[in-house]
């Protein structure tokens, strides 16, 4: 592919998909700055792949797959945090069930609950309800059938409902 055309294609993709790729990363790592870095990494890796002659049939799907792989690599890194940071961020005493209003979740609570799901279910829930993707598109991105995605969504939502009670 010609360099200028490739640059234009990637710039247009950045304008169109950067926000959704950022949300995709943010809801997986939970850190705004880290999600920004991972988003940039996804576009950079895509640029390098295309520059080396790699063929990208569906740029949006390729970017999501690249971002997902980068997030997985991030999870594999050993986590380091001081006890002071953990106490400051989470505290030691979680709120009792009586203190929580289960039907009035804020973003942090919802994010924490979603992290109780397995990786694949969490990814599908985020793609569907945060990124606003239709089931068909999620199926294409994950390589699963639409039916499998729908079943996984149903089971994940059922699991989240049990966590609310």
Protein backbone atom coordinates (compact mmCIF):
# COMPACT_ATOMS: atom_id res chain seq x y z
CA UNK A 1 0.00 0.00 0.00
CA UNK A 2 1.23 3.48 -0.81
CA UNK A 3 2.64 5.35 2.23
CA UNK A 4 0.40 8.44 1.85
CA UNK A 5 -2.74 6.35 1.46
CA UNK A 6 -1.79 4.26 4.48
CA UNK A 7 -1.16 7.40 6.57
CA UNK A 8 -4.51 8.84 5.55
CA UNK A 9 -6.30 5.58 6.29
CA UNK A 10 -4.75 5.34 9.76
CA UNK A 11 -5.44 9.03 10.54
CA UNK A 12 -9.08 8.55 9.59
CA UNK A 13 -9.21 5.39 11.72
CA UNK A 14 -7.72 7.30 14.64
CA UNK A 15 -10.34 10.04 14.34
CA UNK A 16 -13.12 7.49 14.06
CA UNK A 17 -12.05 4.82 16.58
CA UNK A 18 -9.61 6.32 19.12
CA UNK A 19 -12.32 7.08 21.69
CA UNK A 20 -13.87 3.63 21.51
CA UNK A 21 -10.45 1.92 21.62
CA UNK A 22 -9.62 4.07 24.67
CA UNK A 23 -12.87 2.98 26.41
CA UNK A 24 -12.12 -0.61 25.42
CA UNK A 25 -8.73 -0.36 27.17
CA UNK A 26 -9.94 1.74 30.11
CA UNK A 27 -12.67 -0.68 31.15
CA UNK A 28 -10.13 -3.46 31.16
CA UNK A 29 -7.25 -1.81 33.03
CA UNK A 30 -9.18 0.73 35.13
CA UNK A 31 -6.50 3.42 34.85
CA UNK A 32 -7.09 6.41 32.60
CA UNK A 33 -3.45 7.22 31.87
CA UNK A 34 -2.55 3.60 31.28
CA UNK A 35 -5.53 3.23 28.93
CA UNK A 36 -4.33 6.27 26.94
CA UNK A 37 -0.89 4.65 26.60
CA UNK A 38 -2.39 1.33 25.54
CA UNK A 39 -4.58 3.07 22.96
CA UNK A 40 -1.54 4.76 21.47
CA UNK A 41 0.32 1.45 21.51
CA UNK A 42 -2.52 -0.20 19.57
CA UNK A 43 -2.38 2.44 16.85
CA UNK A 44 1.42 2.35 16.77
CA UNK A 45 1.52 -1.44 16.41
CA UNK A 46 -1.10 -1.25 13.67
CA UNK A 47 0.95 1.41 11.87
CA UNK A 48 4.09 -0.72 12.07
CA UNK A 49 2.24 -3.79 10.84
CA UNK A 50 0.80 -1.92 7.86
CA UNK A 51 4.13 -0.23 7.09
CA UNK A 52 5.83 -3.65 6.93
CA UNK A 53 3.33 -4.75 4.30
CA UNK A 54 0.77 -6.46 6.51
CA UNK A 55 -2.70 -6.68 5.02
CA UNK A 56 -5.56 -5.34 7.15
CA UNK A 57 -8.99 -6.16 5.72
CA UNK A 58 -11.07 -4.66 8.57
CA UNK A 59 -9.14 -1.88 10.31
CA UNK A 60 -11.61 -1.49 13.19
CA UNK A 61 -11.52 -5.19 14.02
CA UNK A 62 -7.73 -5.21 13.69
CA UNK A 63 -7.41 -2.26 16.11
CA UNK A 64 -9.71 -3.90 18.67
CA UNK A 65 -7.82 -7.18 18.42
CA UNK A 66 -4.48 -5.36 18.78
CA UNK A 67 -5.76 -3.39 21.78
CA UNK A 68 -7.10 -6.57 23.39
CA UNK A 69 -3.76 -8.32 22.92
CA UNK A 70 -1.91 -5.35 24.42
CA UNK A 71 -4.25 -5.38 27.44
CA UNK A 72 -3.67 -9.11 27.88
CA UNK A 73 0.08 -8.48 27.79
CA UNK A 74 -0.48 -5.78 30.42
CA UNK A 75 -2.32 -8.23 32.68
CA UNK A 76 0.54 -10.69 32.39
CA UNK A 77 3.01 -8.16 33.78
CA UNK A 78 3.61 -8.60 37.49
CA UNK A 79 1.54 -6.10 39.46
CA UNK A 80 3.35 -3.81 41.88
CA UNK A 81 1.65 -1.54 44.38
CA UNK A 82 2.51 -0.44 47.89
CA UNK A 83 0.17 -1.21 50.77
CA UNK A 84 -0.26 2.52 51.38
CA UNK A 85 -1.47 3.01 47.80
CA UNK A 86 -3.87 0.09 48.11
CA UNK A 87 -5.29 1.36 51.39
CA UNK A 88 -5.67 4.85 49.97
CA UNK A 89 -7.38 3.59 46.85
CA UNK A 90 -9.58 0.80 48.24
CA UNK A 91 -9.48 1.03 52.02
CA UNK A 92 -9.58 -2.06 54.20
CA UNK A 93 -13.25 -2.25 55.11
CA UNK A 94 -15.55 -2.75 52.16
CA UNK A 95 -19.05 -1.34 52.65
CA UNK A 96 -21.60 -3.72 54.12
CA UNK A 97 -24.50 -4.87 51.94
CA UNK A 98 -26.82 -2.61 53.95
CA UNK A 99 -24.71 0.42 53.06
CA UNK A 100 -24.96 -0.22 49.35
CA UNK A 101 -27.92 0.58 47.18
CA UNK A 102 -27.71 -2.29 44.71
CA UNK A 103 -29.73 -0.61 41.98
CA UNK A 104 -27.80 2.67 42.10
CA UNK A 105 -24.33 1.75 40.98
CA UNK A 106 -21.83 4.38 40.09
CA UNK A 107 -19.22 3.76 37.40
CA UNK A 108 -16.60 2.52 39.86
CA UNK A 109 -18.97 -0.05 41.37
CA UNK A 110 -20.06 -1.26 37.96
CA UNK A 111 -16.44 -1.57 36.84
CA UNK A 112 -15.55 -3.49 39.99
CA UNK A 113 -18.46 -5.89 39.46
CA UNK A 114 -17.57 -6.48 35.82
CA UNK A 115 -14.09 -7.51 36.94
CA UNK A 116 -15.67 -10.50 38.73
CA UNK A 117 -16.47 -12.00 35.32
CA UNK A 118 -14.07 -14.21 33.39
CA UNK A 119 -11.95 -12.42 30.78
CA UNK A 120 -14.01 -13.39 27.73
CA UNK A 121 -17.36 -12.52 29.33
CA UNK A 122 -15.99 -9.24 30.66
CA UNK A 123 -14.71 -8.30 27.21
CA UNK A 124 -18.05 -9.10 25.58
CA UNK A 125 -20.05 -7.18 28.22
CA UNK A 126 -17.81 -4.14 27.78
CA UNK A 127 -17.99 -4.29 23.99
CA UNK A 128 -21.79 -4.55 24.13
CA UNK A 129 -22.72 -2.10 26.87
CA UNK A 130 -19.80 0.33 27.01
CA UNK A 131 -18.66 0.39 23.39
CA UNK A 132 -22.25 -0.05 22.15
CA UNK A 133 -21.36 -2.74 19.61
CA UNK A 134 -24.06 -4.98 18.16
CA UNK A 135 -23.84 -8.71 18.84
CA UNK A 136 -22.95 -9.39 15.20
CA UNK A 137 -19.89 -7.13 15.36
CA UNK A 138 -18.78 -8.63 18.68
CA UNK A 139 -19.06 -12.08 17.12
CA UNK A 140 -16.82 -11.00 14.24
CA UNK A 141 -14.23 -9.50 16.59
CA UNK A 142 -14.12 -12.47 18.95
CA UNK A 143 -14.41 -15.22 16.37
CA UNK A 144 -17.50 -16.68 18.08
CA UNK A 145 -20.95 -17.20 16.64
CA UNK A 146 -23.65 -14.62 17.30
CA UNK A 147 -25.51 -17.23 19.34
CA UNK A 148 -22.45 -17.93 21.50
CA UNK A 149 -21.99 -14.20 22.13
CA UNK A 150 -25.67 -13.83 23.08
CA UNK A 151 -25.48 -16.79 25.46
CA UNK A 152 -22.27 -15.46 27.02
CA UNK A 153 -23.92 -12.02 27.48
CA UNK A 154 -27.00 -13.58 29.07
CA UNK A 155 -24.91 -15.65 31.49
CA UNK A 156 -22.66 -12.71 32.35
CA UNK A 157 -25.66 -10.49 33.14
CA UNK A 158 -27.17 -13.27 35.23
CA UNK A 159 -23.89 -13.51 37.18
CA UNK A 160 -23.82 -9.73 37.68
CA UNK A 161 -27.40 -9.82 39.00
CA UNK A 162 -26.39 -12.41 41.61
CA UNK A 163 -23.50 -10.17 42.69
CA UNK A 164 -25.94 -7.30 43.24
CA UNK A 165 -27.99 -9.22 45.79
